[in-house]
Amino acid sequence: MILPLLPDVSVERAPPNPPEFMFASAWYYLPKSADILFQQILVAAVVLGAARAKIGLGVISVGMAALFDGVHLLLILDEFTPLYVARFTIAATIFGFAIPYSLLSHTLR
């Protein structure tokens, strides 16, 4: 078998209104992994392209944080709970702010 068998999630132990991926099969994670890889390549291209265009690191970081924040706020339209949306949005904003520093750290020296 190519994909590992994941243990079932207990419905009793799951939080109220759990995200759908908690009950996904292993087949969900294969295309999701490809989707995340594609997103990361796009993020790297945007950050590196902005740096090559001589846009300041602070501006790139704030822009990426705002982009990630805005996109993840759209989860509210899928009727997720406000706490769920807030957690993902905060995490995405932190990631958006930090990733330019991570990708461009070699230029900071």
C-alpha atoms as a PDB file:
ATOM      1  CA  MET A   1       0.000   0.000   0.000  1.00  0.00           C
ATOM      2  CA  ILE A   2       1.344   3.438  -0.921  1.00  0.00           C
ATOM      3  CA  LEU A   3      -0.534   5.584   1.573  1.00  0.00           C
ATOM      4  CA  PRO A   4      -0.380   4.796   5.286  1.00  0.00           C
ATOM      5  CA  LEU A   5      -3.511   3.920   7.168  1.00  0.00           C
ATOM      6  CA  LEU A   6      -4.336   6.708   9.551  1.00  0.00           C
ATOM      7  CA  PRO A   7      -6.090   5.963  12.820  1.00  0.00           C
ATOM      8  CA  ASP A   8      -9.729   6.966  12.995  1.00  0.00           C
ATOM      9  CA  VAL A   9     -10.547  10.123  14.895  1.00  0.00           C
ATOM     10  CA  SER A  10     -12.875   9.629  17.810  1.00  0.00           C
ATOM     11  CA  VAL A  11     -16.113  11.523  17.264  1.00  0.00           C
ATOM     12  CA  GLU A  12     -16.531  11.769  21.040  1.00  0.00           C
ATOM     13  CA  ARG A  13     -13.094  13.364  21.507  1.00  0.00           C
ATOM     14  CA  ALA A  14     -13.327  15.706  18.507  1.00  0.00           C
ATOM     15  CA  PRO A  15     -14.009  19.387  19.222  1.00  0.00           C
ATOM     16  CA  PRO A  16     -17.424  20.849  18.493  1.00  0.00           C
ATOM     17  CA  ASN A  17     -17.806  21.625  14.777  1.00  0.00           C
ATOM     18  CA  PRO A  18     -14.484  19.960  13.842  1.00  0.00           C
ATOM     19  CA  PRO A  19     -12.747  20.756  10.543  1.00  0.00           C
ATOM     20  CA  GLU A  20     -13.431  18.254   7.784  1.00  0.00           C
ATOM     21  CA  PHE A  21      -9.819  17.142   7.488  1.00  0.00           C
ATOM     22  CA  MET A  22     -10.024  15.469  10.910  1.00  0.00           C
ATOM     23  CA  PHE A  23     -12.187  12.771   9.338  1.00  0.00           C
ATOM     24  CA  ALA A  24     -10.425  12.626   5.964  1.00  0.00           C
ATOM     25  CA  SER A  25      -8.948   9.437   4.608  1.00  0.00           C
ATOM     26  CA  ALA A  26      -5.299   9.075   3.650  1.00  0.00           C
ATOM     27  CA  TRP A  27      -6.280   9.865   0.044  1.00  0.00           C
ATOM     28  CA  TYR A  28      -7.097  13.446   1.090  1.00  0.00           C
ATOM     29  CA  TYR A  29      -3.515  14.127   2.117  1.00  0.00           C
ATOM     30  CA  LEU A  30      -1.888  13.243  -1.208  1.00  0.00           C
ATOM     31  CA  PRO A  31      -3.470  16.056  -3.267  1.00  0.00           C
ATOM     32  CA  LYS A  32      -3.411  18.351  -0.224  1.00  0.00           C
ATOM     33  CA  SER A  33       0.368  17.889   0.012  1.00  0.00           C
ATOM     34  CA  ALA A  34       0.731  18.777  -3.669  1.00  0.00           C
ATOM     35  CA  ASP A  35      -1.484  21.831  -3.108  1.00  0.00           C
ATOM     36  CA  ILE A  36       0.655  23.023  -0.200  1.00  0.00           C
ATOM     37  CA  LEU A  37       3.867  22.468  -2.178  1.00  0.00           C
ATOM     38  CA  PHE A  38       2.437  24.537  -5.050  1.00  0.00           C
ATOM     39  CA  GLN A  39       1.470  27.310  -2.608  1.00  0.00           C
ATOM     40  CA  GLN A  40       4.965  27.343  -1.123  1.00  0.00           C
ATOM     41  CA  ILE A  41       6.534  27.624  -4.571  1.00  0.00           C
ATOM     42  CA  LEU A  42       4.252  30.568  -5.357  1.00  0.00           C
ATOM     43  CA  VAL A  43       5.107  32.255  -2.047  1.00  0.00           C
ATOM     44  CA  ALA A  44       8.826  31.817  -2.708  1.00  0.00           C
ATOM     45  CA  ALA A  45       8.421  33.239  -6.229  1.00  0.00           C
ATOM     46  CA  VAL A  46       6.535  36.295  -4.944  1.00  0.00           C
ATOM     47  CA  VAL A  47       9.032  36.971  -2.131  1.00  0.00           C
ATOM     48  CA  LEU A  48      12.115  36.461  -4.283  1.00  0.00           C
ATOM     49  CA  GLY A  49      10.599  38.468  -7.134  1.00  0.00           C
ATOM     50  CA  ALA A  50       9.784  41.340  -4.787  1.00  0.00           C
ATOM     51  CA  ALA A  51      13.302  41.248  -3.354  1.00  0.00           C
ATOM     52  CA  ARG A  52      14.772  41.274  -6.863  1.00  0.00           C
ATOM     53  CA  ALA A  53      12.580  44.323  -7.618  1.00  0.00           C
ATOM     54  CA  LYS A  54      14.323  46.041  -4.682  1.00  0.00           C
ATOM     55  CA  ILE A  55      11.224  46.150  -2.484  1.00  0.00           C
ATOM     56  CA  GLY A  56      12.221  46.409   1.167  1.00  0.00           C
ATOM     57  CA  LEU A  57      12.073  43.364   3.425  1.00  0.00           C
ATOM     58  CA  GLY A  58       9.653  45.055   5.823  1.00  0.00           C
ATOM     59  CA  VAL A  59       7.275  45.941   3.009  1.00  0.00           C
ATOM     60  CA  ILE A  60       7.432  42.395   1.635  1.00  0.00           C
ATOM     61  CA  SER A  61       6.740  40.947   5.099  1.00  0.00           C
ATOM     62  CA  VAL A  62       3.784  43.210   5.789  1.00  0.00           C
ATOM     63  CA  GLY A  63       2.402  42.539   2.309  1.00  0.00           C
ATOM     64  CA  MET A  64       2.688  38.777   2.681  1.00  0.00           C
ATOM     65  CA  ALA A  65       1.144  38.922   6.171  1.00  0.00           C
ATOM     66  CA  ALA A  66      -1.783  40.958   4.816  1.00  0.00           C
ATOM     67  CA  LEU A  67      -2.202  38.583   1.879  1.00  0.00           C
ATOM     68  CA  PHE A  68      -2.224  35.477   4.077  1.00  0.00           C
ATOM     69  CA  ASP A  69      -4.483  37.201   6.615  1.00  0.00           C
ATOM     70  CA  GLY A  70      -7.029  38.179   3.993  1.00  0.00           C
ATOM     71  CA  VAL A  71      -7.121  34.810   2.291  1.00  0.00           C
ATOM     72  CA  HIS A  72      -7.618  32.923   5.553  1.00  0.00           C
ATOM     73  CA  LEU A  73     -10.329  35.298   6.742  1.00  0.00           C
ATOM     74  CA  LEU A  74     -12.371  33.960   3.823  1.00  0.00           C
ATOM     75  CA  LEU A  75     -12.793  30.724   5.799  1.00  0.00           C
ATOM     76  CA  ILE A  76     -15.643  32.460   7.598  1.00  0.00           C
ATOM     77  CA  LEU A  77     -17.630  32.192   4.343  1.00  0.00           C
ATOM     78  CA  ASP A  78     -17.444  28.384   4.638  1.00  0.00           C
ATOM     79  CA  GLU A  79     -19.363  28.617   7.920  1.00  0.00           C
ATOM     80  CA  PHE A  80     -16.466  27.630  10.158  1.00  0.00           C
ATOM     81  CA  THR A  81     -16.596  28.799  13.748  1.00  0.00           C
ATOM     82  CA  PRO A  82     -15.019  32.169  14.567  1.00  0.00           C
ATOM     83  CA  LEU A  83     -12.440  30.436  16.798  1.00  0.00           C
ATOM     84  CA  TYR A  84     -11.415  28.118  13.946  1.00  0.00           C
ATOM     85  CA  VAL A  85     -11.091  31.058  11.541  1.00  0.00           C
ATOM     86  CA  ALA A  86      -9.181  33.128  14.103  1.00  0.00           C
ATOM     87  CA  ARG A  87      -6.649  30.342  14.776  1.00  0.00           C
ATOM     88  CA  PHE A  88      -5.951  29.756  11.085  1.00  0.00           C
ATOM     89  CA  THR A  89      -5.849  33.473  10.322  1.00  0.00           C
ATOM     90  CA  ILE A  90      -3.413  34.254  13.142  1.00  0.00           C
ATOM     91  CA  ALA A  91      -1.148  31.359  12.181  1.00  0.00           C
ATOM     92  CA  ALA A  92      -1.260  32.368   8.505  1.00  0.00           C
ATOM     93  CA  THR A  93      -0.494  35.992   9.333  1.00  0.00           C
ATOM     94  CA  ILE A  94       2.522  35.003  11.420  1.00  0.00           C
ATOM     95  CA  PHE A  95       3.713  32.712   8.630  1.00  0.00           C
ATOM     96  CA  GLY A  96       3.186  35.436   6.020  1.00  0.00           C
ATOM     97  CA  PHE A  97       5.177  37.891   8.104  1.00  0.00           C
ATOM     98  CA  ALA A  98       8.027  35.461   8.879  1.00  0.00           C
ATOM     99  CA  ILE A  99       8.529  33.682   5.548  1.00  0.00           C
ATOM    100  CA  PRO A 100      10.244  36.607   3.782  1.00  0.00           C
ATOM    101  CA  TYR A 101      12.782  36.784   6.619  1.00  0.00           C
ATOM    102  CA  SER A 102      13.322  33.048   6.337  1.00  0.00           C
ATOM    103  CA  LEU A 103      13.743  33.091   2.553  1.00  0.00           C
ATOM    104  CA  LEU A 104      15.903  36.213   2.471  1.00  0.00           C
ATOM    105  CA  SER A 105      17.975  35.654   5.621  1.00  0.00           C
ATOM    106  CA  HIS A 106      21.118  35.137   3.535  1.00  0.00           C
ATOM    107  CA  THR A 107      20.795  38.726   2.262  1.00  0.00           C
ATOM    108  CA  LEU A 108      20.543  40.186   5.779  1.00  0.00           C
ATOM    109  CA  ARG A 109      24.152  39.417   6.680  1.00  0.00           C
END
